[in-house]
Protein backbone atom coordinates (compact mmCIF):
# COMPACT_ATOMS: atom_id res chain seq x y z
CA MET A 1 0.79 -120.08 -185.61
CA LYS A 2 4.32 -118.82 -184.72
CA ASN A 3 5.29 -122.18 -183.20
CA ILE A 4 4.18 -124.16 -186.28
CA SER A 5 6.87 -125.01 -188.81
CA ILE A 6 6.65 -123.91 -192.42
CA VAL A 7 5.78 -127.48 -193.44
CA GLY A 8 2.99 -127.49 -190.84
CA ARG A 9 1.66 -124.16 -192.12
CA ILE A 10 1.68 -125.42 -195.69
CA ARG A 11 -0.22 -128.52 -194.59
CA ILE A 12 -2.84 -126.43 -192.74
CA ILE A 13 -3.28 -124.12 -195.73
CA SER A 14 -3.48 -127.12 -198.09
CA ILE A 15 -6.11 -128.78 -195.92
CA GLY A 16 -8.06 -125.50 -195.81
CA VAL A 17 -7.93 -125.10 -199.59
CA ILE A 18 -8.97 -128.73 -200.11
CA PHE A 19 -11.86 -128.25 -197.68
CA ILE A 20 -13.05 -125.07 -199.44
CA PHE A 21 -12.90 -126.75 -202.86
CA SER A 22 -14.69 -129.81 -201.49
CA VAL A 23 -17.50 -127.64 -200.12
CA PHE A 24 -17.68 -125.77 -203.44
CA ILE A 25 -17.92 -129.01 -205.41
CA LEU A 26 -20.40 -130.61 -203.02
CA PHE A 27 -22.80 -127.69 -202.68
CA TYR A 28 -22.46 -125.92 -206.02
CA LEU A 29 -21.02 -128.01 -208.84
CA LEU A 30 -22.74 -131.34 -208.12
CA PRO A 31 -26.25 -129.83 -207.83
CA LEU A 32 -25.59 -127.78 -210.97
CA GLN A 33 -24.49 -130.90 -212.84
CA ASN A 34 -27.56 -132.77 -211.61
CA GLN A 35 -29.83 -129.97 -212.87
CA ASN A 36 -28.12 -130.10 -216.26
CA VAL A 37 -28.57 -133.86 -216.53
CA GLU A 38 -32.23 -133.62 -215.51
CA ARG A 39 -32.82 -130.89 -218.09
CA GLN A 40 -31.16 -132.97 -220.82
CA VAL A 41 -33.35 -135.97 -219.97
CA GLU A 42 -36.43 -133.75 -219.95
CA LEU A 43 -35.58 -132.31 -223.38
CA LYS A 44 -34.89 -135.76 -224.79
CA LEU A 45 -38.25 -137.08 -223.57
CA GLN A 46 -40.00 -133.99 -224.89
CA ASN A 47 -38.45 -134.56 -228.33
CA LEU A 48 -39.41 -138.23 -228.26
CA VAL A 49 -43.03 -137.42 -227.42
CA GLU A 50 -43.13 -134.70 -230.07
CA SER A 51 -41.94 -137.23 -232.66
CA GLN A 52 -44.93 -139.43 -231.82
CA ILE A 53 -47.26 -136.44 -232.02
CA LYS A 54 -45.88 -135.79 -235.51
CA THR A 55 -46.71 -139.40 -236.38
CA LEU A 56 -50.30 -138.78 -235.30
CA GLU A 57 -50.44 -135.52 -237.25
CA HIS A 58 -49.10 -137.28 -240.35
CA TYR A 59 -51.81 -139.91 -240.32
CA TYR A 60 -54.48 -137.36 -239.46
CA SER A 61 -53.49 -135.32 -242.51
CA ARG A 62 -53.70 -138.47 -244.66
CA PHE A 63 -57.22 -138.99 -243.30
CA GLU A 64 -58.15 -135.35 -243.94
CA SER A 65 -56.89 -135.56 -247.53
CA GLY A 66 -59.06 -138.64 -248.15
CA GLU A 67 -56.03 -140.86 -248.69
CA MET A 68 -57.05 -143.06 -245.75
CA THR A 69 -60.25 -143.68 -243.85
CA ASP A 70 -60.48 -142.56 -240.23
CA GLN A 71 -60.10 -146.16 -239.04
CA GLU A 72 -57.15 -146.89 -241.34
CA ALA A 73 -55.33 -143.75 -240.19
CA LYS A 74 -55.89 -144.59 -236.52
CA GLU A 75 -54.79 -148.20 -236.92
CA GLU A 76 -51.67 -147.29 -238.89
CA ALA A 77 -50.67 -144.52 -236.47
CA LEU A 78 -51.09 -146.86 -233.51
CA ARG A 79 -49.05 -149.55 -235.29
CA VAL A 80 -46.18 -147.11 -235.88
CA ILE A 81 -46.25 -145.84 -232.29
CA GLU A 82 -46.47 -149.39 -230.96
CA SER A 83 -43.24 -150.32 -232.75
CA ALA A 84 -41.34 -147.21 -231.58
CA ARG A 85 -38.68 -147.78 -228.93
CA TYR A 86 -36.11 -145.58 -227.23
CA ASN A 87 -33.28 -146.31 -224.80
CA THR A 88 -33.50 -149.92 -226.00
CA ASN A 89 -36.32 -151.08 -223.70
CA ASP A 90 -38.52 -148.01 -223.31
CA TYR A 91 -41.74 -147.66 -225.27
CA PHE A 92 -44.84 -145.56 -225.86
CA TRP A 93 -48.47 -146.27 -225.15
CA VAL A 94 -51.66 -144.39 -225.88
CA ASN A 95 -54.45 -143.74 -223.43
CA ASP A 96 -57.38 -141.38 -223.62
CA GLU A 97 -58.43 -138.61 -221.26
CA ASN A 98 -60.35 -141.12 -219.12
CA ALA A 99 -57.37 -143.45 -218.58
CA ILE A 100 -58.64 -146.00 -221.08
CA VAL A 101 -55.59 -147.64 -222.63
CA ILE A 102 -55.95 -147.50 -226.40
CA MET A 103 -52.62 -149.19 -227.14
CA HIS A 104 -49.92 -150.52 -224.84
CA ALA A 105 -46.76 -151.58 -226.68
CA THR A 106 -45.52 -154.23 -224.24
CA ASN A 107 -48.72 -155.41 -222.57
CA PRO A 108 -51.49 -155.76 -225.18
CA SER A 109 -53.83 -157.21 -222.55
CA LEU A 110 -54.22 -153.62 -221.33
CA ASN A 111 -55.55 -152.47 -224.69
CA ASN A 112 -59.09 -151.06 -224.50
CA THR A 113 -59.23 -151.40 -220.72
CA ASP A 114 -60.03 -148.84 -218.06
CA GLN A 115 -56.89 -148.33 -215.98
CA SER A 116 -58.15 -145.33 -214.00
CA GLN A 117 -57.98 -147.28 -210.73
CA MET A 118 -54.59 -148.93 -211.33
CA GLN A 119 -52.19 -147.88 -208.57
CA ASP A 120 -48.45 -148.13 -208.12
CA PRO A 121 -47.02 -149.40 -204.79
CA ASP A 122 -47.27 -145.86 -203.36
CA GLY A 123 -50.99 -145.64 -204.13
CA VAL A 124 -50.62 -143.27 -207.11
CA LYS A 125 -53.20 -143.91 -209.83
CA LEU A 126 -50.72 -143.89 -212.68
CA PHE A 127 -52.95 -143.87 -215.73
CA SER A 128 -55.25 -141.28 -214.16
CA GLU A 129 -52.19 -139.11 -213.54
CA PHE A 130 -51.07 -139.61 -217.15
CA ALA A 131 -54.53 -138.69 -218.39
CA SER A 132 -54.71 -135.52 -216.29
CA THR A 133 -51.22 -134.52 -217.44
CA GLY A 134 -52.37 -134.96 -221.02
CA LYS A 135 -55.36 -132.70 -220.39
CA SER A 136 -53.16 -129.84 -219.21
């Protein structure tokens, strides 16, 4: 280090500091930021689902009070949920605990069909997974 000029020493120290900050950003800040974004998305989705649950509760209370019949309350709740959208193109659907689709907002041909064997390209039975998540 004695034979290196002051400019050379400053460059070596600068490169070292840049390297340390780069490692810090890469291994600490970026993963932390990613966790924060994932948590925000999770909270947003949770709030969106809870809003639809409140829709169901609203129509159930109207049924319980005698204001609507059971069938009217179900039909109206499904109509409201069917029209709900978020993030412009995202939507809700309703399936039961057996993966029977009660209402699908963008593909009505799925309504009242058993989708328990429907698989994605990776072989995951999507609607069965949704149904088991709903049970827990």
